[in-house]
Amino acid sequence: MLRKLLPVLGLLLLASLSAQAQEKIEVFGGYSYMYLHNSPSAHLNGWEIAGQYKFTDWLGGVADFDGHYGIV
């Protein structure tokens, strides 16, 4: 399990490094895991997508969407 997880984490680390070309627009996409502590407990897998547009150096707009799936 760990051997399969390490390359994925390395790829995510490289993808998260900021690039100098992204001055006005930033985009993020990723995996999400949620554990609910209710009765019965649930393990949910999901996704997240976020984007930001900078109008000026101090003002920007952000949109963030996510979803989680599984059996509760």
PDB file of N, CA and C in Angstrom:
ATOM      1  N   MET A   1       0.828  -1.193   0.000  1.00  0.00           N
ATOM      2  CA  MET A   1       0.000   0.000   0.000  1.00  0.00           C
ATOM      3  C   MET A   1       0.872   1.256   0.000  1.00  0.00           C
ATOM      4  N   LEU A   2       1.903   1.273   0.843  1.00  0.00           N
ATOM      5  CA  LEU A   2       2.762   2.444   0.938  1.00  0.00           C
ATOM      6  C   LEU A   2       3.563   2.648  -0.339  1.00  0.00           C
ATOM      7  N   ARG A   3       3.953   1.558  -0.996  1.00  0.00           N
ATOM      8  CA  ARG A   3       4.700   1.665  -2.256  1.00  0.00           C
ATOM      9  C   ARG A   3       3.860   2.311  -3.350  1.00  0.00           C
ATOM     10  N   LYS A   4       2.557   2.086  -3.333  1.00  0.00           N
ATOM     11  CA  LYS A   4       1.669   2.693  -4.317  1.00  0.00           C
ATOM     12  C   LYS A   4       1.348   4.143  -3.953  1.00  0.00           C
ATOM     13  N   LEU A   5       1.339   4.443  -2.671  1.00  0.00           N
ATOM     14  CA  LEU A   5       0.965   5.770  -2.210  1.00  0.00           C
ATOM     15  C   LEU A   5       2.090   6.789  -2.374  1.00  0.00           C
ATOM     16  N   LEU A   6       3.334   6.377  -2.211  1.00  0.00           N
ATOM     17  CA  LEU A   6       4.459   7.309  -2.292  1.00  0.00           C
ATOM     18  C   LEU A   6       4.597   7.982  -3.668  1.00  0.00           C
ATOM     19  N   PRO A   7       4.493   7.261  -4.789  1.00  0.00           N
ATOM     20  CA  PRO A   7       4.564   7.959  -6.078  1.00  0.00           C
ATOM     21  C   PRO A   7       3.424   8.962  -6.280  1.00  0.00           C
ATOM     22  N   VAL A   8       2.247   8.629  -5.779  1.00  0.00           N
ATOM     23  CA  VAL A   8       1.117   9.552  -5.902  1.00  0.00           C
ATOM     24  C   VAL A   8       1.370  10.811  -5.078  1.00  0.00           C
ATOM     25  N   LEU A   9       1.862  10.644  -3.864  1.00  0.00           N
ATOM     26  CA  LEU A   9       2.176  11.806  -3.029  1.00  0.00           C
ATOM     27  C   LEU A   9       3.290  12.650  -3.638  1.00  0.00           C
ATOM     28  N   GLY A  10       4.289  12.005  -4.244  1.00  0.00           N
ATOM     29  CA  GLY A  10       5.352  12.743  -4.920  1.00  0.00           C
ATOM     30  C   GLY A  10       4.828  13.543  -6.096  1.00  0.00           C
ATOM     31  N   LEU A  11       3.919  12.955  -6.860  1.00  0.00           N
ATOM     32  CA  LEU A  11       3.325  13.654  -7.988  1.00  0.00           C
ATOM     33  C   LEU A  11       2.494  14.840  -7.526  1.00  0.00           C
ATOM     34  N   LEU A  12       1.745  14.655  -6.431  1.00  0.00           N
ATOM     35  CA  LEU A  12       0.967  15.763  -5.891  1.00  0.00           C
ATOM     36  C   LEU A  12       1.863  16.882  -5.378  1.00  0.00           C
ATOM     37  N   LEU A  13       2.995  16.532  -4.791  1.00  0.00           N
ATOM     38  CA  LEU A  13       3.931  17.538  -4.318  1.00  0.00           C
ATOM     39  C   LEU A  13       4.490  18.350  -5.483  1.00  0.00           C
ATOM     40  N   LEU A  14       4.871  17.671  -6.553  1.00  0.00           N
ATOM     41  CA  LEU A  14       5.390  18.382  -7.718  1.00  0.00           C
ATOM     42  C   LEU A  14       4.320  19.251  -8.373  1.00  0.00           C
ATOM     43  N   ALA A  15       3.100  18.768  -8.412  1.00  0.00           N
ATOM     44  CA  ALA A  15       2.017  19.530  -9.028  1.00  0.00           C
ATOM     45  C   ALA A  15       1.626  20.747  -8.197  1.00  0.00           C
ATOM     46  N   SER A  16       1.911  20.719  -6.896  1.00  0.00           N
ATOM     47  CA  SER A  16       1.521  21.828  -6.040  1.00  0.00           C
ATOM     48  C   SER A  16       2.540  22.962  -6.002  1.00  0.00           C
ATOM     49  N   LEU A  17       3.709  22.765  -6.608  1.00  0.00           N
ATOM     50  CA  LEU A  17       4.697  23.833  -6.631  1.00  0.00           C
ATOM     51  C   LEU A  17       4.193  24.974  -7.495  1.00  0.00           C
ATOM     52  N   SER A  18       4.345  26.185  -7.025  1.00  0.00           N
ATOM     53  CA  SER A  18       3.830  27.328  -7.773  1.00  0.00           C
ATOM     54  C   SER A  18       4.741  27.654  -8.943  1.00  0.00           C
ATOM     55  N   ALA A  19       4.135  28.088 -10.013  1.00  0.00           N
ATOM     56  CA  ALA A  19       4.872  28.483 -11.207  1.00  0.00           C
ATOM     57  C   ALA A  19       4.808  30.000 -11.330  1.00  0.00           C
ATOM     58  N   GLN A  20       5.835  30.601 -11.855  1.00  0.00           N
ATOM     59  CA  GLN A  20       5.880  32.052 -11.992  1.00  0.00           C
ATOM     60  C   GLN A  20       4.878  32.563 -13.028  1.00  0.00           C
ATOM     61  N   ALA A  21       4.444  31.719 -13.935  1.00  0.00           N
ATOM     62  CA  ALA A  21       3.509  32.143 -14.974  1.00  0.00           C
ATOM     63  C   ALA A  21       2.100  32.344 -14.424  1.00  0.00           C
ATOM     64  N   GLN A  22       1.816  31.819 -13.252  1.00  0.00           N
ATOM     65  CA  GLN A  22       0.479  31.940 -12.680  1.00  0.00           C
ATOM     66  C   GLN A  22       0.369  33.215 -11.850  1.00  0.00           C
ATOM     67  N   GLU A  23       0.274  34.332 -12.511  1.00  0.00           N
ATOM     68  CA  GLU A  23       0.175  35.584 -11.776  1.00  0.00           C
ATOM     69  C   GLU A  23      -1.274  35.991 -11.529  1.00  0.00           C
ATOM     70  N   LYS A  24      -2.172  35.738 -12.469  1.00  0.00           N
ATOM     71  CA  LYS A  24      -3.558  36.157 -12.324  1.00  0.00           C
ATOM     72  C   LYS A  24      -4.506  35.012 -12.007  1.00  0.00           C
ATOM     73  N   ILE A  25      -4.179  33.800 -12.446  1.00  0.00           N
ATOM     74  CA  ILE A  25      -5.091  32.678 -12.286  1.00  0.00           C
ATOM     75  C   ILE A  25      -4.388  31.539 -11.559  1.00  0.00           C
ATOM     76  N   GLU A  26      -5.070  30.963 -10.567  1.00  0.00           N
ATOM     77  CA  GLU A  26      -4.573  29.784  -9.870  1.00  0.00           C
ATOM     78  C   GLU A  26      -5.664  28.724  -9.895  1.00  0.00           C
ATOM     79  N   VAL A  27      -5.265  27.473 -10.145  1.00  0.00           N
ATOM     80  CA  VAL A  27      -6.209  26.365 -10.220  1.00  0.00           C
ATOM     81  C   VAL A  27      -5.688  25.225  -9.355  1.00  0.00           C
ATOM     82  N   PHE A  28      -6.593  24.582  -8.633  1.00  0.00           N
ATOM     83  CA  PHE A  28      -6.236  23.447  -7.784  1.00  0.00           C
ATOM     84  C   PHE A  28      -7.240  22.330  -7.997  1.00  0.00           C
ATOM     85  N   GLY A  29      -6.748  21.106  -8.045  1.00  0.00           N
ATOM     86  CA  GLY A  29      -7.612  19.937  -8.102  1.00  0.00           C
ATOM     87  C   GLY A  29      -7.001  18.848  -7.250  1.00  0.00           C
ATOM     88  N   GLY A  30      -7.830  18.124  -6.513  1.00  0.00           N
ATOM     89  CA  GLY A  30      -7.249  17.109  -5.654  1.00  0.00           C
ATOM     90  C   GLY A  30      -8.239  16.098  -5.136  1.00  0.00           C
ATOM     91  N   TYR A  31      -7.698  15.122  -4.424  1.00  0.00           N
ATOM     92  CA  TYR A  31      -8.446  14.030  -3.809  1.00  0.00           C
ATOM     93  C   TYR A  31      -8.803  14.411  -2.383  1.00  0.00           C
ATOM     94  N   SER A  32      -9.950  13.953  -1.933  1.00  0.00           N
ATOM     95  CA  SER A  32     -10.394  14.249  -0.583  1.00  0.00           C
ATOM     96  C   SER A  32     -10.864  12.963   0.098  1.00  0.00           C
ATOM     97  N   TYR A  33     -10.582  12.828   1.375  1.00  0.00           N
ATOM     98  CA  TYR A  33     -11.026  11.683   2.171  1.00  0.00           C
ATOM     99  C   TYR A  33     -11.700  12.206   3.430  1.00  0.00           C
ATOM    100  N   MET A  34     -12.885  11.684   3.731  1.00  0.00           N
ATOM    101  CA  MET A  34     -13.617  12.134   4.906  1.00  0.00           C
ATOM    102  C   MET A  34     -14.051  10.915   5.729  1.00  0.00           C
ATOM    103  N   TYR A  35     -13.827  10.979   7.027  1.00  0.00           N
ATOM    104  CA  TYR A  35     -14.272   9.938   7.951  1.00  0.00           C
ATOM    105  C   TYR A  35     -15.325  10.540   8.864  1.00  0.00           C
ATOM    106  N   LEU A  36     -16.524   9.976   8.847  1.00  0.00           N
ATOM    107  CA  LEU A  36     -17.603  10.461   9.698  1.00  0.00           C
ATOM    108  C   LEU A  36     -17.681   9.607  10.954  1.00  0.00           C
ATOM    109  N   HIS A  37     -17.739  10.263  12.103  1.00  0.00           N
ATOM    110  CA  HIS A  37     -17.764   9.567  13.398  1.00  0.00           C
ATOM    111  C   HIS A  37     -19.195   9.408  13.903  1.00  0.00           C
ATOM    112  N   ASN A  38     -20.102   9.009  13.037  1.00  0.00           N
ATOM    113  CA  ASN A  38     -21.467   8.786  13.504  1.00  0.00           C
ATOM    114  C   ASN A  38     -21.726   7.291  13.587  1.00  0.00           C
ATOM    115  N   SER A  39     -22.942   6.905  13.912  1.00  0.00           N
ATOM    116  CA  SER A  39     -23.248   5.483  14.029  1.00  0.00           C
ATOM    117  C   SER A  39     -24.150   5.077  12.879  1.00  0.00           C
ATOM    118  N   PRO A  40     -23.767   4.259  11.961  1.00  0.00           N
ATOM    119  CA  PRO A  40     -22.451   3.653  11.763  1.00  0.00           C
ATOM    120  C   PRO A  40     -21.485   4.650  11.132  1.00  0.00           C
ATOM    121  N   SER A  41     -20.203   4.436  11.356  1.00  0.00           N
ATOM    122  CA  SER A  41     -19.198   5.342  10.803  1.00  0.00           C
ATOM    123  C   SER A  41     -19.079   5.133   9.295  1.00  0.00           C
ATOM    124  N   ALA A  42     -18.553   6.141   8.602  1.00  0.00           N
ATOM    125  CA  ALA A  42     -18.460   6.070   7.145  1.00  0.00           C
ATOM    126  C   ALA A  42     -17.109   6.581   6.681  1.00  0.00           C
ATOM    127  N   HIS A  43     -16.564   5.954   5.665  1.00  0.00           N
ATOM    128  CA  HIS A  43     -15.335   6.377   5.004  1.00  0.00           C
ATOM    129  C   HIS A  43     -15.722   6.849   3.604  1.00  0.00           C
ATOM    130  N   LEU A  44     -15.570   8.134   3.333  1.00  0.00           N
ATOM    131  CA  LEU A  44     -16.012   8.700   2.070  1.00  0.00           C
ATOM    132  C   LEU A  44     -14.816   9.185   1.253  1.00  0.00           C
ATOM    133  N   ASN A  45     -14.806   8.858  -0.023  1.00  0.00           N
ATOM    134  CA  ASN A  45     -13.806   9.358  -0.960  1.00  0.00           C
ATOM    135  C   ASN A  45     -14.421  10.493  -1.750  1.00  0.00           C
ATOM    136  N   GLY A  46     -13.578  11.427  -2.187  1.00  0.00           N
ATOM    137  CA  GLY A  46     -14.134  12.546  -2.917  1.00  0.00           C
ATOM    138  C   GLY A  46     -13.096  13.311  -3.711  1.00  0.00           C
ATOM    139  N   TRP A  47     -13.501  14.474  -4.175  1.00  0.00           N
ATOM    140  CA  TRP A  47     -12.664  15.328  -5.013  1.00  0.00           C
ATOM    141  C   TRP A  47     -12.874  16.784  -4.614  1.00  0.00           C
ATOM    142  N   GLU A  48     -11.946  17.628  -5.027  1.00  0.00           N
ATOM    143  CA  GLU A  48     -12.053  19.064  -4.784  1.00  0.00           C
ATOM    144  C   GLU A  48     -11.426  19.805  -5.947  1.00  0.00           C
ATOM    145  N   ILE A  49     -12.100  20.841  -6.403  1.00  0.00           N
ATOM    146  CA  ILE A  49     -11.592  21.713  -7.463  1.00  0.00           C
ATOM    147  C   ILE A  49     -11.770  23.154  -6.993  1.00  0.00           C
ATOM    148  N   ALA A  50     -10.709  23.944  -7.097  1.00  0.00           N
ATOM    149  CA  ALA A  50     -10.763  25.342  -6.694  1.00  0.00           C
ATOM    150  C   ALA A  50     -10.055  26.190  -7.737  1.00  0.00           C
ATOM    151  N   GLY A  51     -10.534  27.406  -7.905  1.00  0.00           N
ATOM    152  CA  GLY A  51      -9.907  28.345  -8.821  1.00  0.00           C
ATOM    153  C   GLY A  51      -9.941  29.746  -8.247  1.00  0.00           C
ATOM    154  N   GLN A  52      -8.918  30.515  -8.570  1.00  0.00           N
ATOM    155  CA  GLN A  52      -8.831  31.895  -8.092  1.00  0.00           C
ATOM    156  C   GLN A  52      -8.420  32.794  -9.242  1.00  0.00           C
ATOM    157  N   TYR A  53      -9.060  33.966  -9.332  1.00  0.00           N
ATOM    158  CA  TYR A  53      -8.682  34.983 -10.306  1.00  0.00           C
ATOM    159  C   TYR A  53      -8.351  36.261  -9.547  1.00  0.00           C
ATOM    160  N   LYS A  54      -7.163  36.795  -9.769  1.00  0.00           N
ATOM    161  CA  LYS A  54      -6.730  38.002  -9.077  1.00  0.00           C
ATOM    162  C   LYS A  54      -7.021  39.218  -9.949  1.00  0.00           C
ATOM    163  N   PHE A  55      -7.931  40.083  -9.490  1.00  0.00           N
ATOM    164  CA  PHE A  55      -8.250  41.310 -10.201  1.00  0.00           C
ATOM    165  C   PHE A  55      -7.120  42.322 -10.042  1.00  0.00           C
ATOM    166  N   THR A  56      -6.632  42.470  -8.826  1.00  0.00           N
ATOM    167  CA  THR A  56      -5.481  43.326  -8.518  1.00  0.00           C
ATOM    168  C   THR A  56      -4.567  42.534  -7.584  1.00  0.00           C
ATOM    169  N   ASP A  57      -3.502  43.172  -7.095  1.00  0.00           N
ATOM    170  CA  ASP A  57      -2.597  42.495  -6.162  1.00  0.00           C
ATOM    171  C   ASP A  57      -3.268  42.172  -4.835  1.00  0.00           C
ATOM    172  N   TRP A  58      -4.312  42.905  -4.457  1.00  0.00           N
ATOM    173  CA  TRP A  58      -4.928  42.727  -3.156  1.00  0.00           C
ATOM    174  C   TRP A  58      -6.400  42.296  -3.232  1.00  0.00           C
ATOM    175  N   LEU A  59      -6.944  42.081  -4.442  1.00  0.00           N
ATOM    176  CA  LEU A  59      -8.347  41.703  -4.586  1.00  0.00           C
ATOM    177  C   LEU A  59      -8.489  40.575  -5.597  1.00  0.00           C
ATOM    178  N   GLY A  60      -9.189  39.524  -5.196  1.00  0.00           N
ATOM    179  CA  GLY A  60      -9.398  38.389  -6.075  1.00  0.00           C
ATOM    180  C   GLY A  60     -10.708  37.690  -5.777  1.00  0.00           C
ATOM    181  N   GLY A  61     -11.102  36.803  -6.653  1.00  0.00           N
ATOM    182  CA  GLY A  61     -12.305  36.010  -6.472  1.00  0.00           C
ATOM    183  C   GLY A  61     -11.946  34.530  -6.471  1.00  0.00           C
ATOM    184  N   VAL A  62     -12.649  33.751  -5.642  1.00  0.00           N
ATOM    185  CA  VAL A  62     -12.340  32.325  -5.482  1.00  0.00           C
ATOM    186  C   VAL A  62     -13.620  31.512  -5.636  1.00  0.00           C
ATOM    187  N   ALA A  63     -13.515  30.371  -6.318  1.00  0.00           N
ATOM    188  CA  ALA A  63     -14.603  29.388  -6.388  1.00  0.00           C
ATOM    189  C   ALA A  63     -14.038  28.047  -5.928  1.00  0.00           C
ATOM    190  N   ASP A  64     -14.804  27.340  -5.101  1.00  0.00           N
ATOM    191  CA  ASP A  64     -14.347  26.064  -4.529  1.00  0.00           C
ATOM    192  C   ASP A  64     -15.503  25.067  -4.579  1.00  0.00           C
ATOM    193  N   PHE A  65     -15.287  23.920  -5.235  1.00  0.00           N
ATOM    194  CA  PHE A  65     -16.304  22.886  -5.362  1.00  0.00           C
ATOM    195  C   PHE A  65     -15.718  21.559  -4.893  1.00  0.00           C
ATOM    196  N   ASP A  66     -16.553  20.747  -4.229  1.00  0.00           N
ATOM    197  CA  ASP A  66     -16.099  19.433  -3.809  1.00  0.00           C
ATOM    198  C   ASP A  66     -17.281  18.478  -3.737  1.00  0.00           C
ATOM    199  N   GLY A  67     -16.968  17.209  -3.688  1.00  0.00           N
ATOM    200  CA  GLY A  67     -17.988  16.179  -3.565  1.00  0.00           C
ATOM    201  C   GLY A  67     -17.405  14.955  -2.896  1.00  0.00           C
ATOM    202  N   HIS A  68     -18.234  14.274  -2.084  1.00  0.00           N
ATOM    203  CA  HIS A  68     -17.806  13.055  -1.382  1.00  0.00           C
ATOM    204  C   HIS A  68     -18.822  11.963  -1.651  1.00  0.00           C
ATOM    205  N   TYR A  69     -18.309  10.748  -1.872  1.00  0.00           N
ATOM    206  CA  TYR A  69     -19.154   9.629  -2.243  1.00  0.00           C
ATOM    207  C   TYR A  69     -18.833   8.417  -1.383  1.00  0.00           C
ATOM    208  N   GLY A  70     -19.845   7.658  -1.075  1.00  0.00           N
ATOM    209  CA  GLY A  70     -19.660   6.431  -0.321  1.00  0.00           C
ATOM    210  C   GLY A  70     -20.974   6.006   0.308  1.00  0.00           C
ATOM    211  N   ILE A  71     -20.936   4.932   1.071  1.00  0.00           N
ATOM    212  CA  ILE A  71     -22.111   4.415   1.751  1.00  0.00           C
ATOM    213  C   ILE A  71     -22.050   4.810   3.213  1.00  0.00           C
ATOM    214  N   VAL A  72     -23.086   5.474   3.678  1.00  0.00           N
ATOM    215  CA  VAL A  72     -23.140   5.922   5.085  1.00  0.00           C
ATOM    216  C   VAL A  72     -23.894   4.921   5.893  1.00  0.00           C
TER     217      VAL A  72
END
